[in-house]
């Protein structure tokens, strides 16, 4: 069994693309999307919109446009985990 540090930031350099995307998305106005997210009561709770925007932007930037490939990458690649 491989044990990893709880702090994922220790595994990426401070100038990694994932941090840049995270900072950019943190400054975006997602209030319209957030309003629908916060009002939703049906079904399973959705993923947080800000996290999803970060994951999608990072995936597109590294050339992973397919949702299935994004899912597989999320399970295998550390930078994707830092976006969540």
N, C-alpha and C. Protein backbone atom coordinates (compact mmCIF):
# COMPACT_ATOMS: atom_id res chain seq x y z
N UNK A 1 0.84 -1.17 0.00
CA UNK A 1 0.00 0.00 0.00
C UNK A 1 0.89 1.24 0.00
N UNK A 2 0.56 2.19 -0.87
CA UNK A 2 1.31 3.44 -0.97
C UNK A 2 0.64 4.50 -0.13
N UNK A 3 1.38 5.09 0.76
CA UNK A 3 0.84 6.15 1.60
C UNK A 3 1.29 7.50 1.06
N UNK A 4 0.33 8.40 0.89
CA UNK A 4 0.63 9.74 0.39
C UNK A 4 0.38 10.77 1.49
N UNK A 5 1.06 11.87 1.36
CA UNK A 5 0.82 12.99 2.26
C UNK A 5 -0.61 13.48 2.07
N UNK A 6 -1.22 13.92 3.13
CA UNK A 6 -2.58 14.44 3.05
C UNK A 6 -2.61 15.74 2.26
N UNK A 7 -1.56 16.50 2.29
CA UNK A 7 -1.47 17.79 1.61
C UNK A 7 -0.98 17.59 0.18
N UNK A 8 -1.90 17.66 -0.78
CA UNK A 8 -1.54 17.43 -2.18
C UNK A 8 -0.62 18.53 -2.72
N UNK A 9 -0.66 19.72 -2.13
CA UNK A 9 0.18 20.81 -2.59
C UNK A 9 1.67 20.50 -2.44
N UNK A 10 2.02 19.57 -1.57
CA UNK A 10 3.42 19.19 -1.39
C UNK A 10 3.96 18.43 -2.60
N UNK A 11 3.08 17.92 -3.45
CA UNK A 11 3.50 17.09 -4.57
C UNK A 11 3.63 17.86 -5.88
N UNK A 12 3.17 19.09 -5.93
CA UNK A 12 3.24 19.89 -7.15
C UNK A 12 4.13 21.11 -6.93
N UNK A 13 4.88 21.50 -7.98
CA UNK A 13 5.68 22.72 -7.85
C UNK A 13 4.76 23.94 -7.72
N UNK A 14 5.23 24.98 -7.09
CA UNK A 14 4.39 26.15 -6.82
C UNK A 14 3.95 26.88 -8.08
N UNK A 15 4.66 26.69 -9.20
CA UNK A 15 4.29 27.36 -10.45
C UNK A 15 3.50 26.44 -11.40
N UNK A 16 2.91 25.39 -10.89
CA UNK A 16 2.18 24.43 -11.73
C UNK A 16 0.92 25.07 -12.31
N UNK A 17 0.56 24.66 -13.51
CA UNK A 17 -0.63 25.16 -14.21
C UNK A 17 -1.90 25.01 -13.37
N UNK A 18 -2.00 23.95 -12.61
CA UNK A 18 -3.20 23.71 -11.79
C UNK A 18 -3.44 24.85 -10.80
N UNK A 19 -2.38 25.40 -10.24
CA UNK A 19 -2.52 26.52 -9.30
C UNK A 19 -2.99 27.79 -10.02
N UNK A 20 -2.43 28.02 -11.21
CA UNK A 20 -2.84 29.19 -11.99
C UNK A 20 -4.33 29.13 -12.32
N UNK A 21 -4.78 27.97 -12.80
CA UNK A 21 -6.20 27.81 -13.14
C UNK A 21 -7.06 27.97 -11.90
N UNK A 22 -6.65 27.41 -10.80
CA UNK A 22 -7.41 27.53 -9.57
C UNK A 22 -7.55 28.99 -9.15
N UNK A 23 -6.47 29.76 -9.25
CA UNK A 23 -6.52 31.18 -8.90
C UNK A 23 -7.44 31.96 -9.83
N UNK A 24 -7.36 31.67 -11.13
CA UNK A 24 -8.21 32.37 -12.11
C UNK A 24 -9.68 32.07 -11.83
N UNK A 25 -10.02 30.81 -11.65
CA UNK A 25 -11.42 30.43 -11.43
C UNK A 25 -11.94 31.00 -10.10
N UNK A 26 -11.08 31.09 -9.11
CA UNK A 26 -11.50 31.67 -7.82
C UNK A 26 -11.92 33.13 -7.96
N UNK A 27 -11.45 33.81 -9.01
CA UNK A 27 -11.79 35.21 -9.23
C UNK A 27 -12.93 35.40 -10.24
N UNK A 28 -13.45 34.33 -10.81
CA UNK A 28 -14.56 34.44 -11.75
C UNK A 28 -15.88 34.65 -11.01
N UNK A 29 -16.78 35.38 -11.64
CA UNK A 29 -18.12 35.57 -11.08
C UNK A 29 -19.00 34.42 -11.55
N UNK A 30 -19.24 33.47 -10.68
CA UNK A 30 -20.08 32.32 -11.01
C UNK A 30 -21.42 32.40 -10.28
N UNK A 31 -21.84 33.61 -9.95
CA UNK A 31 -23.06 33.77 -9.13
C UNK A 31 -24.31 33.21 -9.80
N UNK A 32 -24.43 33.33 -11.11
CA UNK A 32 -25.61 32.79 -11.80
C UNK A 32 -25.64 31.27 -11.69
N UNK A 33 -24.51 30.65 -11.88
CA UNK A 33 -24.43 29.19 -11.76
C UNK A 33 -24.64 28.77 -10.31
N UNK A 34 -24.03 29.51 -9.40
CA UNK A 34 -24.13 29.16 -7.98
C UNK A 34 -25.56 29.23 -7.47
N UNK A 35 -26.32 30.17 -7.99
CA UNK A 35 -27.72 30.31 -7.57
C UNK A 35 -28.50 29.03 -7.88
N UNK A 36 -28.29 28.48 -9.08
CA UNK A 36 -28.97 27.23 -9.45
C UNK A 36 -28.44 26.06 -8.63
N UNK A 37 -27.16 26.07 -8.38
CA UNK A 37 -26.53 25.00 -7.59
C UNK A 37 -27.08 24.98 -6.17
N UNK A 38 -27.17 26.15 -5.56
CA UNK A 38 -27.62 26.23 -4.17
C UNK A 38 -29.10 25.94 -4.01
N UNK A 39 -29.89 26.19 -5.06
CA UNK A 39 -31.34 25.96 -4.99
C UNK A 39 -31.74 24.53 -5.33
N UNK A 40 -30.83 23.75 -5.88
CA UNK A 40 -31.14 22.39 -6.34
C UNK A 40 -31.38 21.45 -5.17
N UNK A 41 -32.52 20.79 -5.19
CA UNK A 41 -32.86 19.84 -4.11
C UNK A 41 -33.16 18.45 -4.63
N UNK A 42 -33.15 18.28 -5.95
CA UNK A 42 -33.49 16.97 -6.51
C UNK A 42 -32.25 16.07 -6.57
N UNK A 43 -32.48 14.79 -6.39
CA UNK A 43 -31.45 13.79 -6.62
C UNK A 43 -30.22 13.92 -5.74
N UNK A 44 -29.16 13.30 -6.23
CA UNK A 44 -27.88 13.28 -5.53
C UNK A 44 -27.27 14.68 -5.55
N UNK A 45 -26.62 15.12 -4.48
CA UNK A 45 -26.03 16.46 -4.49
C UNK A 45 -25.00 16.60 -5.63
N UNK A 46 -25.08 17.69 -6.39
CA UNK A 46 -24.14 17.86 -7.51
C UNK A 46 -22.74 18.23 -7.02
N UNK A 47 -21.76 18.07 -7.91
CA UNK A 47 -20.41 18.53 -7.60
C UNK A 47 -20.42 20.06 -7.57
N UNK A 48 -19.54 20.63 -6.79
CA UNK A 48 -19.49 22.08 -6.67
C UNK A 48 -19.09 22.69 -8.03
N UNK A 49 -19.84 23.69 -8.51
CA UNK A 49 -19.57 24.29 -9.82
C UNK A 49 -18.16 24.85 -9.96
N UNK A 50 -17.63 25.48 -8.93
CA UNK A 50 -16.29 26.06 -9.03
C UNK A 50 -15.25 24.95 -9.23
N UNK A 51 -15.41 23.84 -8.54
CA UNK A 51 -14.49 22.72 -8.71
C UNK A 51 -14.60 22.15 -10.12
N UNK A 52 -15.83 22.05 -10.65
CA UNK A 52 -16.02 21.51 -11.99
C UNK A 52 -15.39 22.41 -13.05
N UNK A 53 -15.52 23.72 -12.90
CA UNK A 53 -14.89 24.65 -13.85
C UNK A 53 -13.38 24.48 -13.82
N UNK A 54 -12.82 24.34 -12.63
CA UNK A 54 -11.37 24.14 -12.50
C UNK A 54 -10.92 22.87 -13.20
N UNK A 55 -11.64 21.79 -12.99
CA UNK A 55 -11.28 20.51 -13.60
C UNK A 55 -11.39 20.59 -15.11
N UNK A 56 -12.49 21.15 -15.62
CA UNK A 56 -12.68 21.25 -17.07
C UNK A 56 -11.63 22.14 -17.72
N UNK A 57 -11.34 23.28 -17.14
CA UNK A 57 -10.32 24.16 -17.71
C UNK A 57 -8.94 23.50 -17.72
N UNK A 58 -8.59 22.86 -16.62
CA UNK A 58 -7.30 22.18 -16.56
C UNK A 58 -7.23 21.08 -17.62
N UNK A 59 -8.29 20.31 -17.73
CA UNK A 59 -8.32 19.21 -18.71
C UNK A 59 -8.15 19.75 -20.13
N UNK A 60 -8.87 20.80 -20.48
CA UNK A 60 -8.75 21.37 -21.82
C UNK A 60 -7.36 21.92 -22.07
N UNK A 61 -6.77 22.54 -21.06
CA UNK A 61 -5.42 23.10 -21.21
C UNK A 61 -4.36 22.04 -21.46
N UNK A 62 -4.54 20.85 -20.92
CA UNK A 62 -3.54 19.80 -21.13
C UNK A 62 -3.93 18.85 -22.25
N UNK A 63 -5.02 19.18 -22.98
CA UNK A 63 -5.40 18.40 -24.15
C UNK A 63 -6.26 17.18 -23.87
N UNK A 64 -7.08 17.24 -22.84
CA UNK A 64 -7.99 16.13 -22.52
C UNK A 64 -9.42 16.66 -22.63
N UNK A 65 -10.01 16.64 -23.86
CA UNK A 65 -11.34 17.22 -24.04
C UNK A 65 -12.51 16.27 -23.75
N UNK A 66 -12.26 14.99 -23.71
CA UNK A 66 -13.32 14.00 -23.53
C UNK A 66 -13.68 13.82 -22.06
N UNK A 67 -14.98 13.81 -21.77
CA UNK A 67 -15.41 13.65 -20.37
C UNK A 67 -14.97 12.31 -19.79
N UNK A 68 -14.97 11.28 -20.61
CA UNK A 68 -14.52 9.97 -20.11
C UNK A 68 -13.03 9.98 -19.82
N UNK A 69 -12.26 10.63 -20.69
CA UNK A 69 -10.82 10.72 -20.44
C UNK A 69 -10.52 11.62 -19.24
N UNK A 70 -11.34 12.65 -19.05
CA UNK A 70 -11.17 13.50 -17.87
C UNK A 70 -11.39 12.68 -16.61
N UNK A 71 -12.43 11.86 -16.62
CA UNK A 71 -12.71 11.01 -15.45
C UNK A 71 -11.54 10.07 -15.16
N UNK A 72 -11.02 9.42 -16.21
CA UNK A 72 -9.89 8.51 -16.01
C UNK A 72 -8.66 9.26 -15.51
N UNK A 73 -8.43 10.44 -16.08
CA UNK A 73 -7.28 11.24 -15.67
C UNK A 73 -7.42 11.68 -14.22
N UNK A 74 -8.63 12.00 -13.83
CA UNK A 74 -8.87 12.45 -12.45
C UNK A 74 -8.48 11.37 -11.46
N UNK A 75 -8.68 10.13 -11.83
CA UNK A 75 -8.35 9.02 -10.94
C UNK A 75 -6.86 8.72 -10.91
N UNK A 76 -6.11 9.18 -11.93
CA UNK A 76 -4.70 8.81 -12.03
C UNK A 76 -3.71 9.95 -11.85
N UNK A 77 -4.15 11.18 -12.09
CA UNK A 77 -3.20 12.28 -12.13
C UNK A 77 -3.35 13.20 -10.92
N UNK A 78 -2.26 13.48 -10.26
CA UNK A 78 -2.25 14.33 -9.07
C UNK A 78 -2.76 15.75 -9.31
N UNK A 79 -2.36 16.44 -10.40
CA UNK A 79 -2.87 17.80 -10.57
C UNK A 79 -4.40 17.87 -10.63
N UNK A 80 -5.05 16.86 -11.18
CA UNK A 80 -6.50 16.86 -11.19
C UNK A 80 -7.03 16.83 -9.77
N UNK A 81 -6.40 16.06 -8.91
CA UNK A 81 -6.86 15.96 -7.53
C UNK A 81 -6.67 17.27 -6.78
N UNK A 82 -5.67 18.04 -7.15
CA UNK A 82 -5.47 19.32 -6.48
C UNK A 82 -6.55 20.32 -6.86
N UNK A 83 -7.22 20.12 -8.01
CA UNK A 83 -8.30 21.01 -8.44
C UNK A 83 -9.55 20.80 -7.61
N UNK A 84 -9.75 19.61 -7.11
CA UNK A 84 -10.96 19.32 -6.35
C UNK A 84 -10.91 19.89 -5.02
